[in-house]
Amino acid sequence: MITFYHAPWSRASSIHWLLEELGVPFSFSAVAIRAKEGVPEAYRSIQPNKKVPAIDHDGTVVTERAAITIYLADVFAEAGLAPAPGDSARARYLTWLVYADSVLDPVVAAKAHGIDFMGPRYSYGSFAEMVANLEKALSSGPYIVGDRFTAADTQIGSGIHYATNVLRVLPDNPVFKAYLDRLAARPAFQRYSQREFEMAKAAGMLEGVRQP
């Protein structure tokens, strides 16, 4: 059984979507990341920085979105969401999974806070470089790894969705819009999105947000 450490409308949301795509049983363990008193110290034994997401799969704890995605898609390989070792698509799949955490997320966060590119001493490039890289990749096929949907799309797609519809820092781009439309048509996306909305509503997080 998978215990999923989660908070609605957070960086855990992409793993929620992945779990829905895998179709495996899991239970939520709510982490109050927005509580005034902070996340309970006991959670540090699961996630050292008291962040979400994290999972506990029958006693095996995994943190960090890229690692969780690789782990789950490989353990539940029958879902067909990860190119197998030896498949030529595996390298691109792994590259984009790590890119989502190590480039897309920090560059988008910096842009949203008005921080410009800080130079070559930092481990990621500029916002413009990131946008150009995504556009190039998604112009060559319907999904981030090419012709097939993979677990990497749950991570890259979530990042593009958040940067476009919540932070509103990505430029209007027909390539990105078409990609998001394809993802939004997936039943697992719709299930997870509706559940996130309901959990956010229960947590009092709406305030003018429209139902998906």
Protein backbone atom coordinates (compact mmCIF):
# COMPACT_ATOMS: atom_id res chain seq x y z
CA MET A 1 0.00 0.00 0.00
CA ILE A 2 1.16 3.53 -0.76
CA THR A 3 0.86 6.32 1.78
CA PHE A 4 0.96 9.63 -0.05
CA TYR A 5 2.05 12.69 1.92
CA HIS A 6 0.09 15.48 0.30
CA ALA A 7 -1.31 18.99 0.47
CA PRO A 8 -3.84 20.21 -2.11
CA TRP A 9 -2.70 22.62 -4.81
CA SER A 10 0.96 22.15 -3.99
CA ARG A 11 3.99 20.50 -5.54
CA ALA A 12 2.42 17.21 -4.44
CA SER A 13 -0.35 17.64 -7.01
CA SER A 14 1.70 16.24 -9.88
CA ILE A 15 2.29 13.03 -7.93
CA HIS A 16 -1.43 12.84 -7.18
CA TRP A 17 -2.04 12.93 -10.94
CA LEU A 18 0.60 10.24 -11.49
CA LEU A 19 -1.05 7.96 -8.93
CA GLU A 20 -4.36 8.35 -10.72
CA GLU A 21 -2.69 7.48 -14.03
CA LEU A 22 -1.12 4.37 -12.49
CA GLY A 23 -4.45 3.24 -11.11
CA VAL A 24 -2.93 1.81 -7.93
CA PRO A 25 -4.46 2.00 -4.43
CA PHE A 26 -3.09 4.69 -2.15
CA SER A 27 -4.09 6.64 0.93
CA PHE A 28 -3.57 10.31 1.67
CA SER A 29 -1.65 11.56 4.67
CA ALA A 30 -2.38 15.28 4.94
CA VAL A 31 0.57 17.59 5.61
CA ALA A 32 -0.44 21.04 6.83
CA ILE A 33 2.13 23.02 4.88
CA ARG A 34 0.09 26.22 5.16
CA ALA A 35 -0.60 26.06 8.90
CA LYS A 36 0.45 29.14 10.87
CA GLU A 37 2.33 26.98 13.34
CA GLY A 38 4.19 25.20 10.54
CA VAL A 39 4.51 21.55 9.63
CA PRO A 40 4.86 19.28 12.67
CA GLU A 41 8.47 18.41 13.43
CA ALA A 42 7.62 14.70 13.38
CA TYR A 43 7.18 14.89 9.60
CA ARG A 44 10.90 15.58 9.23
CA SER A 45 11.50 11.86 9.71
CA ILE A 46 9.71 11.37 6.37
CA GLN A 47 10.87 14.45 4.47
CA PRO A 48 13.98 16.20 5.86
CA ASN A 49 12.83 19.67 4.77
CA LYS A 50 9.20 19.03 5.79
CA LYS A 51 8.03 19.48 2.19
CA VAL A 52 5.53 17.58 0.07
CA PRO A 53 5.31 15.24 -1.73
CA ALA A 54 6.65 12.06 -0.22
CA ILE A 55 5.47 8.46 -0.37
CA ASP A 56 5.81 5.42 1.84
CA HIS A 57 5.39 2.24 -0.19
CA ASP A 58 5.25 -0.70 2.20
CA GLY A 59 8.01 0.80 4.32
CA THR A 60 10.08 2.26 1.48
CA VAL A 61 10.09 6.06 1.74
CA VAL A 62 10.79 8.12 -1.37
CA THR A 63 10.98 11.92 -1.56
CA GLU A 64 11.50 14.45 -4.39
CA ARG A 65 9.13 14.43 -7.34
CA ALA A 66 11.55 13.11 -9.94
CA ALA A 67 12.62 10.23 -7.70
CA ILE A 68 9.03 9.41 -6.74
CA THR A 69 7.97 9.41 -10.38
CA ILE A 70 10.82 7.16 -11.50
CA TYR A 71 10.20 4.80 -8.60
CA LEU A 72 6.45 4.48 -9.06
CA ALA A 73 6.47 4.19 -12.85
CA ASP A 74 9.12 1.44 -12.65
CA VAL A 75 7.52 -0.47 -9.77
CA PHE A 76 4.14 -0.37 -11.52
CA ALA A 77 5.56 -0.93 -14.97
CA GLU A 78 2.38 -2.66 -16.15
CA ALA A 79 0.79 0.80 -16.46
CA GLY A 80 3.17 1.51 -19.34
CA LEU A 81 4.11 5.02 -18.21
CA ALA A 82 7.90 4.62 -18.38
CA PRO A 83 10.18 3.49 -21.20
CA ALA A 84 12.02 0.41 -19.99
CA PRO A 85 15.81 0.33 -19.53
CA GLY A 86 17.26 -0.30 -22.96
CA ASP A 87 14.46 1.56 -24.72
CA SER A 88 15.92 4.46 -26.69
CA ALA A 89 13.26 6.76 -25.22
CA ARG A 90 14.45 6.09 -21.65
CA ALA A 91 17.18 8.72 -21.73
CA ARG A 92 14.83 11.47 -22.89
CA TYR A 93 12.25 10.39 -20.32
CA LEU A 94 14.74 10.59 -17.45
CA THR A 95 16.13 13.88 -18.72
CA TRP A 96 12.73 15.55 -18.70
CA LEU A 97 11.83 14.19 -15.28
CA VAL A 98 14.94 15.71 -13.75
CA TYR A 99 14.52 18.89 -15.82
CA ALA A 100 11.07 19.45 -14.29
CA ASP A 101 12.59 19.66 -10.80
CA SER A 102 16.01 21.12 -11.49
CA VAL A 103 15.22 23.74 -14.17
CA LEU A 104 11.52 24.30 -14.85
CA ASP A 105 10.44 24.67 -11.22
CA PRO A 106 13.19 27.02 -9.97
CA VAL A 107 13.18 29.18 -13.11
CA VAL A 108 9.39 29.59 -12.97
CA ALA A 109 9.52 30.35 -9.25
CA ALA A 110 12.22 32.97 -9.80
CA LYS A 111 10.22 34.56 -12.64
CA ALA A 112 7.07 34.70 -10.51
CA HIS A 113 9.01 36.56 -7.82
CA GLY A 114 10.52 39.04 -10.25
CA ILE A 115 14.03 37.56 -10.14
CA ASP A 116 15.99 37.66 -13.39
CA PHE A 117 18.62 35.19 -14.55
CA MET A 118 21.37 35.22 -11.94
CA GLY A 119 24.31 34.09 -14.03
CA PRO A 120 26.36 30.96 -14.74
CA ARG A 121 27.13 30.25 -11.09
CA TYR A 122 23.60 28.91 -10.68
CA SER A 123 22.68 25.40 -11.76
CA TYR A 124 19.84 26.41 -14.10
CA GLY A 125 19.61 28.72 -17.10
CA SER A 126 17.38 31.64 -17.95
CA PHE A 127 13.61 31.76 -18.20
CA ALA A 128 13.85 32.43 -21.96
CA GLU A 129 16.07 29.39 -22.45
CA MET A 130 13.61 27.22 -20.54
CA VAL A 131 10.65 28.45 -22.61
CA ALA A 132 12.54 27.86 -25.88
CA ASN A 133 13.54 24.36 -24.78
CA LEU A 134 9.96 23.38 -23.91
CA GLU A 135 8.60 24.83 -27.14
CA LYS A 136 11.17 22.95 -29.21
CA ALA A 137 10.44 19.65 -27.48
CA LEU A 138 6.65 19.96 -27.69
CA SER A 139 6.78 21.07 -31.32
CA SER A 140 8.33 17.74 -32.28
CA GLY A 141 5.61 15.49 -30.86
CA PRO A 142 2.37 15.47 -28.89
CA TYR A 143 4.08 14.57 -25.61
CA ILE A 144 7.31 15.50 -23.92
CA VAL A 145 9.02 12.22 -24.82
CA GLY A 146 7.50 12.04 -28.30
CA ASP A 147 4.44 10.15 -29.51
CA ARG A 148 3.49 8.46 -26.23
CA PHE A 149 2.24 9.78 -22.93
CA THR A 150 4.62 8.95 -20.07
CA ALA A 151 4.97 9.74 -16.39
CA ALA A 152 7.24 12.62 -17.44
CA ASP A 153 4.16 14.38 -18.81
CA THR A 154 2.60 14.44 -15.34
CA GLN A 155 5.59 16.44 -14.12
CA ILE A 156 6.31 18.70 -17.10
CA GLY A 157 2.59 19.13 -17.78
CA SER A 158 1.89 20.09 -14.17
CA GLY A 159 4.69 22.65 -14.29
CA ILE A 160 3.41 24.22 -17.51
CA HIS A 161 -0.17 24.19 -16.21
CA TYR A 162 0.81 25.92 -12.96
CA ALA A 163 3.05 28.48 -14.67
CA THR A 164 0.33 29.25 -17.23
CA ASN A 165 -2.92 29.18 -15.26
CA VAL A 166 -1.87 30.03 -11.71
CA LEU A 167 1.32 32.07 -11.79
CA ARG A 168 0.62 33.37 -15.31
CA VAL A 169 4.27 33.78 -16.18
CA LEU A 170 4.46 31.65 -19.33
CA PRO A 171 3.75 33.49 -22.58
CA ASP A 172 0.66 32.66 -24.63
CA ASN A 173 1.88 29.91 -26.89
CA PRO A 174 -0.25 27.67 -29.13
CA VAL A 175 2.17 24.79 -28.62
CA PHE A 176 1.75 24.93 -24.84
CA LYS A 177 -2.02 25.36 -25.11
CA ALA A 178 -2.41 22.34 -27.39
CA TYR A 179 -0.27 20.26 -25.02
CA LEU A 180 -2.32 21.27 -21.98
CA ASP A 181 -5.55 20.54 -23.85
CA ARG A 182 -4.34 17.01 -24.64
CA LEU A 183 -3.43 16.43 -21.01
CA ALA A 184 -6.70 17.87 -19.68
CA ALA A 185 -8.66 15.41 -21.83
CA ARG A 186 -7.20 12.45 -19.93
CA PRO A 187 -9.64 10.83 -17.46
CA ALA A 188 -6.93 10.55 -14.79
CA PHE A 189 -6.20 14.27 -15.10
CA GLN A 190 -9.87 15.07 -14.67
CA ARG A 191 -10.21 12.79 -11.63
CA TYR A 192 -7.17 14.21 -9.87
CA SER A 193 -8.09 17.81 -10.74
CA GLN A 194 -11.59 17.43 -9.33
CA ARG A 195 -10.31 15.76 -6.17
CA GLU A 196 -7.71 18.48 -5.64
CA PHE A 197 -10.43 21.11 -6.01
CA GLU A 198 -12.63 19.36 -3.44
CA MET A 199 -9.74 19.03 -0.99
CA ALA A 200 -8.78 22.68 -1.49
CA LYS A 201 -12.39 23.69 -0.90
CA ALA A 202 -12.51 21.67 2.30
CA ALA A 203 -9.32 23.45 3.40
CA GLY A 204 -10.86 26.89 2.76
CA MET A 205 -8.50 27.71 -0.10
CA LEU A 206 -10.91 28.82 -2.82
CA GLU A 207 -11.68 32.56 -2.58
CA GLY A 208 -12.72 33.27 -6.15
CA VAL A 209 -11.22 30.16 -7.75
CA ARG A 210 -13.46 28.57 -10.35
CA GLN A 211 -14.29 24.86 -10.26
CA PRO A 212 -12.37 22.90 -12.92
